[in-house]
Amino acid sequence: MLLSSLFFLFLGIPLAGLLFREAPAAIWNEILQPDIFQALQLSVLTTTLSTLLAIVFGLPVAYVLARQRFFGRGLLETLITLPTVLPPVVAGVALLLTFGRLGLLGRYLAIFNISIPFTTAAVVMAQTFVAAPFFVNSAKAGFEQLDRRYERAAYTLRASPLYTFFRITLPLIRPALLSGIGLCWARALGEFGATITFAGNFPGVTQTMPIAVYIASESDLDKSIALAVVLLAVSFGLLLTLRLSQRTREKR
């Protein structure tokens, strides 16, 4: 009990110190500044886009890894999980070496006058790279835990595989999907290392909330605190909502 209490204090005291460092009115005034609001808008936009990309491309990956058995499956599972433990700066360097003007793919994109680094697209790509595995792993767990008798029953009633997937399978694993979406969105919102390495820091173009926090901490502590509080509130609110919705479903 003592050790667990110490651990919770270790987590809670720094967060409480962040929340109570400035008065709510002062934090609100900082949030209303045009540059902060601009960073907030950009973060919401890029985070939403990266989460959508993670869903579109990650859902088939999760299904294949959960349902198919093939040579190299363990290697692919490791590859999917790798970005969750890889230092984000390393991910940013890898993206830059791949999509930069002299990169593995970037040199060919340059032929068509396409440049990805240091653009809003680069922000979305960096966020997707580090956040998508959270959705894939959660969706994969949902597919693996699903009782497949429901799908077989649908097939006996002559339901097509596509109909069964969207009308039977996905609704049954909805909790896992929602959890994965929430974790993916929150991770993308807090992404810093890969973003600043691959996309840089250009206000209105690539300066997301975490980058704005870092830049502001060097010159304007009040602004940095306001940005940090917003990130903390959004992340905490999202995770708390997911937790409460999960408990509500369990009680039904």
Protein backbone atom coordinates (compact mmCIF):
# COMPACT_ATOMS: atom_id res chain seq x y z
CA MET A 1 0.00 0.00 0.00
CA LEU A 2 2.80 2.38 0.87
CA LEU A 3 4.67 1.70 -2.36
CA SER A 4 1.55 2.16 -4.46
CA SER A 5 0.77 5.43 -2.64
CA LEU A 6 4.28 6.70 -3.30
CA PHE A 7 3.95 5.82 -6.96
CA PHE A 8 0.64 7.67 -7.30
CA LEU A 9 2.17 10.68 -5.56
CA PHE A 10 5.12 10.51 -7.93
CA LEU A 11 2.71 10.72 -10.85
CA GLY A 12 0.21 13.13 -9.36
CA ILE A 13 2.31 15.82 -7.69
CA PRO A 14 4.08 17.05 -10.86
CA LEU A 15 0.77 17.18 -12.71
CA ALA A 16 -0.85 19.05 -9.83
CA GLY A 17 2.08 21.44 -9.79
CA LEU A 18 1.50 22.12 -13.47
CA LEU A 19 -2.22 22.74 -12.97
CA PHE A 20 -1.86 25.09 -10.01
CA ARG A 21 1.20 27.00 -11.20
CA GLU A 22 -0.97 29.65 -12.87
CA ALA A 23 -4.48 30.93 -12.18
CA PRO A 24 -7.19 29.61 -14.55
CA ALA A 25 -7.88 33.14 -15.81
CA ALA A 26 -4.24 33.65 -16.73
CA ILE A 27 -4.13 30.29 -18.51
CA TRP A 28 -7.28 31.13 -20.43
CA ASN A 29 -5.85 34.48 -21.53
CA GLU A 30 -2.75 32.73 -22.84
CA ILE A 31 -4.83 30.17 -24.72
CA LEU A 32 -6.67 32.96 -26.52
CA GLN A 33 -3.43 34.28 -28.00
CA PRO A 34 -3.47 33.84 -31.81
CA ASP A 35 -0.28 31.76 -32.00
CA ILE A 36 -1.44 29.33 -29.32
CA PHE A 37 -4.87 28.95 -30.88
CA GLN A 38 -3.20 28.39 -34.22
CA ALA A 39 -1.03 25.61 -32.78
CA LEU A 40 -4.11 24.07 -31.16
CA GLN A 41 -6.03 24.10 -34.45
CA LEU A 42 -3.12 22.53 -36.31
CA SER A 43 -2.71 19.83 -33.67
CA VAL A 44 -6.39 18.89 -33.76
CA LEU A 45 -6.37 18.78 -37.57
CA THR A 46 -3.20 16.72 -37.98
CA THR A 47 -4.05 14.42 -35.09
CA THR A 48 -7.47 13.68 -36.54
CA LEU A 49 -6.03 13.03 -40.00
CA SER A 50 -3.31 10.74 -38.65
CA THR A 51 -5.88 8.81 -36.62
CA LEU A 52 -8.08 8.35 -39.69
CA LEU A 53 -5.08 7.08 -41.65
CA ALA A 54 -4.26 4.68 -38.81
CA ILE A 55 -7.83 3.32 -38.95
CA VAL A 56 -7.96 2.97 -42.74
CA PHE A 57 -4.60 1.23 -43.08
CA GLY A 58 -4.33 -0.31 -39.62
CA LEU A 59 -7.65 -2.17 -39.52
CA PRO A 60 -6.75 -4.57 -42.39
CA VAL A 61 -3.32 -5.10 -40.85
CA ALA A 62 -4.85 -5.95 -37.47
CA TYR A 63 -7.29 -8.37 -39.10
CA VAL A 64 -4.59 -10.19 -41.07
CA LEU A 65 -2.28 -10.49 -38.07
CA ALA A 66 -5.10 -11.77 -35.86
CA ARG A 67 -6.67 -14.25 -38.28
CA GLN A 68 -3.92 -15.45 -40.61
CA ARG A 69 -0.98 -17.72 -39.85
CA PHE A 70 1.95 -17.31 -42.22
CA PHE A 71 5.72 -17.30 -42.30
CA GLY A 72 7.15 -14.04 -40.94
CA ARG A 73 4.05 -13.12 -38.94
CA GLY A 74 6.08 -12.67 -35.75
CA LEU A 75 8.48 -10.38 -37.57
CA LEU A 76 5.61 -8.21 -38.83
CA GLU A 77 4.09 -8.05 -35.33
CA THR A 78 7.45 -6.88 -33.99
CA LEU A 79 7.69 -4.29 -36.77
CA ILE A 80 4.23 -2.97 -35.92
CA THR A 81 5.10 -2.61 -32.23
CA LEU A 82 8.58 -1.17 -32.79
CA PRO A 83 7.49 2.51 -33.12
CA THR A 84 5.98 2.37 -29.62
CA VAL A 85 9.41 1.79 -28.07
CA LEU A 86 11.60 3.48 -30.67
CA PRO A 87 12.83 6.96 -29.64
CA PRO A 88 10.65 9.43 -31.60
CA VAL A 89 13.71 11.34 -32.80
CA VAL A 90 14.98 8.14 -34.42
CA ALA A 91 11.61 7.77 -36.15
CA GLY A 92 11.91 11.34 -37.42
CA VAL A 93 15.41 10.71 -38.78
CA ALA A 94 14.21 7.53 -40.49
CA LEU A 95 11.33 9.41 -42.14
CA LEU A 96 13.68 12.19 -43.22
CA LEU A 97 16.15 9.72 -44.75
CA THR A 98 13.29 8.06 -46.60
CA PHE A 99 11.21 11.01 -47.79
CA GLY A 100 13.80 13.80 -47.82
CA ARG A 101 14.88 15.24 -51.17
CA LEU A 102 17.88 12.89 -51.21
CA GLY A 103 16.12 10.05 -49.40
CA LEU A 104 15.30 6.55 -50.60
CA LEU A 105 11.90 7.62 -51.95
CA GLY A 106 12.26 11.38 -51.75
CA ARG A 107 14.72 11.53 -54.65
CA TYR A 108 12.07 10.05 -56.93
CA LEU A 109 9.34 12.32 -55.57
CA ALA A 110 11.59 15.30 -56.29
CA ILE A 111 11.40 14.43 -59.99
CA PHE A 112 7.72 15.36 -59.82
CA ASN A 113 8.51 18.43 -57.70
CA ILE A 114 7.00 16.82 -54.60
CA SER A 115 8.62 17.72 -51.29
CA ILE A 116 7.22 16.26 -48.07
CA PRO A 117 9.61 17.30 -45.24
CA PHE A 118 8.79 20.48 -43.33
CA THR A 119 5.17 20.52 -44.47
CA THR A 120 1.86 19.78 -42.75
CA ALA A 121 1.83 16.42 -44.54
CA ALA A 122 5.10 15.59 -42.79
CA VAL A 123 3.43 16.27 -39.43
CA VAL A 124 0.62 13.85 -40.28
CA MET A 125 3.10 11.21 -41.43
CA ALA A 126 5.21 11.53 -38.28
CA GLN A 127 2.15 11.29 -36.05
CA THR A 128 0.82 8.29 -37.97
CA PHE A 129 4.19 6.53 -37.76
CA VAL A 130 4.37 6.69 -33.97
CA ALA A 131 0.66 6.47 -33.11
CA ALA A 132 -0.80 3.91 -35.53
CA PRO A 133 0.64 0.88 -33.66
CA PHE A 134 -1.55 1.72 -30.66
CA PHE A 135 -4.65 1.31 -32.80
CA VAL A 136 -3.36 -1.76 -34.64
CA ASN A 137 -2.46 -3.62 -31.44
CA SER A 138 -5.77 -2.78 -29.80
CA ALA A 139 -7.80 -3.82 -32.86
CA LYS A 140 -5.73 -7.00 -33.20
CA ALA A 141 -6.52 -7.92 -29.59
CA GLY A 142 -10.20 -7.34 -30.29
CA PHE A 143 -10.16 -9.65 -33.32
CA GLU A 144 -8.31 -12.35 -31.39
CA GLN A 145 -10.73 -12.28 -28.45
CA LEU A 146 -13.87 -12.36 -30.58
CA ASP A 147 -15.86 -15.56 -30.44
CA ARG A 148 -15.97 -16.57 -34.10
CA ARG A 149 -19.21 -18.50 -33.68
CA TYR A 150 -21.07 -15.26 -34.38
CA GLU A 151 -19.35 -14.96 -37.74
CA ARG A 152 -20.00 -18.61 -38.59
CA ALA A 153 -23.67 -18.13 -37.74
CA ALA A 154 -23.82 -15.20 -40.15
CA TYR A 155 -22.20 -17.29 -42.89
CA THR A 156 -24.78 -20.05 -42.40
CA LEU A 157 -27.46 -17.41 -43.03
CA ARG A 158 -25.73 -16.63 -46.34
CA ALA A 159 -24.28 -13.32 -45.24
CA SER A 160 -21.34 -12.21 -47.37
CA PRO A 161 -17.87 -11.87 -45.78
CA LEU A 162 -17.99 -8.11 -46.30
CA TYR A 163 -21.44 -7.80 -44.71
CA THR A 164 -20.36 -10.00 -41.80
CA PHE A 165 -17.22 -7.94 -41.25
CA PHE A 166 -18.97 -4.57 -41.11
CA ARG A 167 -22.28 -5.60 -39.51
CA ILE A 168 -21.19 -8.41 -37.17
CA THR A 169 -17.45 -8.37 -36.49
CA LEU A 170 -16.74 -4.67 -36.10
CA PRO A 171 -19.73 -3.95 -33.81
CA LEU A 172 -18.70 -6.85 -31.55
CA ILE A 173 -15.15 -5.52 -31.12
CA ARG A 174 -16.24 -1.89 -30.83
CA PRO A 175 -14.77 -1.45 -27.32
CA ALA A 176 -11.33 -2.49 -28.56
CA LEU A 177 -11.63 -0.23 -31.60
CA LEU A 178 -12.69 2.78 -29.54
CA SER A 179 -9.88 2.18 -27.08
CA GLY A 180 -7.38 1.95 -29.92
CA ILE A 181 -8.72 5.10 -31.57
CA GLY A 182 -8.49 7.02 -28.30
CA LEU A 183 -4.96 5.88 -27.56
CA CYS A 184 -3.87 6.58 -31.12
CA TRP A 185 -5.37 10.09 -31.07
CA ALA A 186 -3.84 10.93 -27.69
CA ARG A 187 -0.41 9.63 -28.74
CA ALA A 188 -0.52 11.60 -31.98
CA LEU A 189 -1.52 14.74 -30.09
CA GLY A 190 1.52 14.45 -27.84
CA GLU A 191 4.02 13.59 -30.57
CA PHE A 192 7.11 15.82 -30.52
CA GLY A 193 10.42 14.19 -31.45
CA ALA A 194 9.55 12.71 -34.84
CA THR A 195 7.55 15.79 -35.78
CA ILE A 196 10.21 18.41 -35.08
CA THR A 197 12.87 16.26 -36.78
CA PHE A 198 10.88 15.49 -39.92
CA ALA A 199 8.56 18.51 -40.14
CA GLY A 200 10.43 21.24 -38.31
CA ASN A 201 8.94 24.21 -36.52
CA PHE A 202 6.98 26.58 -38.74
CA PRO A 203 4.05 28.39 -37.07
CA GLY A 204 0.78 27.64 -38.78
CA VAL A 205 2.36 24.90 -40.89
CA THR A 206 4.17 22.40 -38.66
CA GLN A 207 4.17 23.93 -35.16
CA THR A 208 1.93 21.60 -33.17
CA MET A 209 1.10 21.99 -29.50
CA PRO A 210 4.04 19.94 -28.12
CA ILE A 211 6.49 21.90 -30.29
CA ALA A 212 4.89 25.16 -29.19
CA VAL A 213 5.32 24.08 -25.54
CA TYR A 214 9.01 23.44 -26.10
CA ILE A 215 9.60 26.71 -27.94
CA ALA A 216 7.63 28.75 -25.40
CA SER A 217 9.49 27.16 -22.46
CA GLU A 218 12.68 28.85 -23.67
CA SER A 219 11.28 32.39 -23.56
CA ASP A 220 7.75 32.58 -22.10
CA LEU A 221 7.08 30.20 -19.21
CA ASP A 222 3.46 31.34 -18.77
CA LYS A 223 2.65 30.49 -22.37
CA SER A 224 4.42 27.15 -22.05
CA ILE A 225 2.37 26.31 -18.94
CA ALA A 226 -0.88 27.26 -20.67
CA LEU A 227 -0.09 25.01 -23.63
CA ALA A 228 0.95 22.16 -21.34
CA VAL A 229 -2.27 22.46 -19.33
CA VAL A 230 -4.34 22.27 -22.51
CA LEU A 231 -2.51 19.13 -23.63
CA LEU A 232 -2.89 17.62 -20.17
CA ALA A 233 -6.61 18.42 -20.00
CA VAL A 234 -7.37 17.05 -23.46
CA SER A 235 -5.39 13.83 -22.93
CA PHE A 236 -6.79 13.24 -19.45
CA GLY A 237 -10.34 13.96 -20.58
CA LEU A 238 -10.06 11.57 -23.50
CA LEU A 239 -8.60 8.73 -21.45
CA LEU A 240 -11.13 9.27 -18.66
CA THR A 241 -14.00 9.18 -21.15
CA LEU A 242 -12.72 5.91 -22.60
CA ARG A 243 -12.38 4.42 -19.12
CA LEU A 244 -15.89 5.47 -18.04
CA SER A 245 -17.48 4.26 -21.27
CA GLN A 246 -15.74 0.90 -20.85
CA ARG A 247 -17.08 0.53 -17.31
CA THR A 248 -20.56 1.47 -18.50
CA ARG A 249 -20.48 -1.28 -21.13
CA GLU A 250 -19.21 -3.82 -18.59
CA LYS A 251 -22.16 -3.10 -16.29
CA ARG A 252 -24.71 -3.76 -19.04
